[in-house]
Each structure stands twice: as structure tokens, then as C-alpha cells.
Protein backbone atom coordinates (compact mmCIF):
# COMPACT_ATOMS: atom_id res chain seq x y z
CA UNK A 1 67.68 61.56 118.41
CA UNK A 2 64.81 60.71 120.78
CA UNK A 3 62.30 57.97 120.16
CA UNK A 4 59.59 60.52 119.37
CA UNK A 5 61.75 62.20 116.71
CA UNK A 6 62.66 58.74 115.23
CA UNK A 7 58.93 58.08 114.90
CA UNK A 8 58.20 61.38 113.37
CA UNK A 9 61.02 61.03 110.96
CA UNK A 10 59.84 57.65 110.05
CA UNK A 11 56.31 59.03 109.33
CA UNK A 12 57.84 61.77 107.19
CA UNK A 13 59.58 59.14 105.11
CA UNK A 14 56.30 57.05 104.86
CA UNK A 15 54.40 60.07 103.32
CA UNK A 16 57.27 61.49 101.41
CA UNK A 17 57.51 64.79 103.25
CA UNK A 18 60.86 66.59 103.44
CA UNK A 19 62.27 68.47 106.33
CA UNK A 20 61.76 71.67 104.37
CA UNK A 21 58.08 70.91 103.75
CA UNK A 22 57.52 70.16 107.41
CA UNK A 23 59.38 73.31 108.46
CA UNK A 24 57.11 75.33 106.08
CA UNK A 25 54.02 73.63 107.52
CA UNK A 26 54.82 74.42 111.20
CA UNK A 27 56.39 77.92 110.44
CA UNK A 28 59.93 77.16 111.45
CA UNK A 29 63.16 77.20 109.56
CA UNK A 30 64.42 74.12 107.66
CA UNK A 31 67.67 74.43 109.90
CA UNK A 32 65.49 74.17 113.00
CA UNK A 33 63.85 70.94 111.83
CA UNK A 34 67.20 69.53 110.69
CA UNK A 35 68.59 70.20 114.16
CA UNK A 36 65.59 68.50 115.75
CA UNK A 37 66.02 65.43 113.50
CA UNK A 38 69.67 65.03 114.03
CA UNK A 39 69.36 65.58 117.87
CA UNK A 40 71.40 68.72 118.29
CA UNK A 41 68.32 70.61 119.49
CA UNK A 42 65.02 69.60 121.09
CA UNK A 43 61.64 70.93 119.92
CA UNK A 44 59.08 72.44 122.36
CA UNK A 45 56.08 70.32 123.26
CA UNK A 46 54.07 72.65 121.12
CA UNK A 47 56.29 72.05 118.11
CA UNK A 48 56.12 68.25 118.69
CA UNK A 49 52.41 68.63 118.72
CA UNK A 50 52.37 70.64 115.55
CA UNK A 51 54.63 68.12 113.78
CA UNK A 52 52.42 65.27 114.98
CA UNK A 53 49.36 67.07 113.65
CA UNK A 54 50.82 67.82 110.22
CA UNK A 55 52.08 64.24 110.03
CA UNK A 56 48.73 62.80 111.05
CA UNK A 57 49.88 60.95 114.14
CA UNK A 58 49.44 61.27 117.85
CA UNK A 59 52.07 61.63 120.49
CA UNK A 60 51.54 60.16 123.94
CA UNK A 61 53.73 62.02 126.32
CA UNK A 62 52.96 59.35 128.94
CA UNK A 63 53.99 56.53 126.64
CA UNK A 64 56.89 55.36 128.83
CA UNK A 65 60.52 55.84 129.62
CA UNK A 66 61.67 56.60 126.06
CA UNK A 67 59.26 59.59 125.88
CA UNK A 68 61.15 61.13 128.86
CA UNK A 69 64.02 61.61 126.43
CA UNK A 70 61.92 64.34 124.76
CA UNK A 71 60.05 65.65 127.67
CA UNK A 72 62.81 66.08 130.24
CA UNK A 73 65.02 68.53 128.13
CA UNK A 74 61.89 70.54 127.32
CA UNK A 75 60.76 70.69 130.94
CA UNK A 76 64.33 71.60 132.09
CA UNK A 77 64.40 74.37 129.61
CA UNK A 78 61.00 75.65 130.54
CA UNK A 79 61.90 75.57 134.20
CA UNK A 80 65.16 77.56 133.58
CA UNK A 81 63.13 80.17 131.63
CA UNK A 82 60.57 80.43 134.38
CA UNK A 83 63.29 80.91 137.01
CA UNK A 84 64.90 83.89 135.14
């Protein structure tokens, strides 16, 4: 799990929000949120922003090396889609 997802999960615990509740708020399936939280999938930048908004936190994508763990897989996926 990336540092961003660790922080988002921590915030969910702080406010007592379940993965199902978060999924409903951002209009994705519970399974999708579960996969993001356990690291088997990576959310899009847009979904990271949606989660941050719902959880009342900000995400600084320029925060440092650890944030590249989130951004690089997303950018790689976006680039692959653009080249299709």
C-alpha cells in the first residue's frame, strides 16, 4: 500500500468511515476501494482527489519520494492508454 493510501486509511479510521461508505460516497464499488486499500490496484488521481475530499484532507502530489509510489503507476497507466 502506498503512503497516500496509508494516510487515507488512517483518516477513515479516525472518522469511523468504512470502505463501503467511502465507496458509496465516490461512486465506486466496495471491492474497488478494498483493492486500493490492500494495494492490489491503484486509484486514478481523480479518485485519490475524491477520497481526499470526502475524508476532508488534502493530498500534495509533490510531497516527496513516497508520493511517487502513487503517481508513477497512475502516470504509467495513463501513458499506456494514450499510446493505444
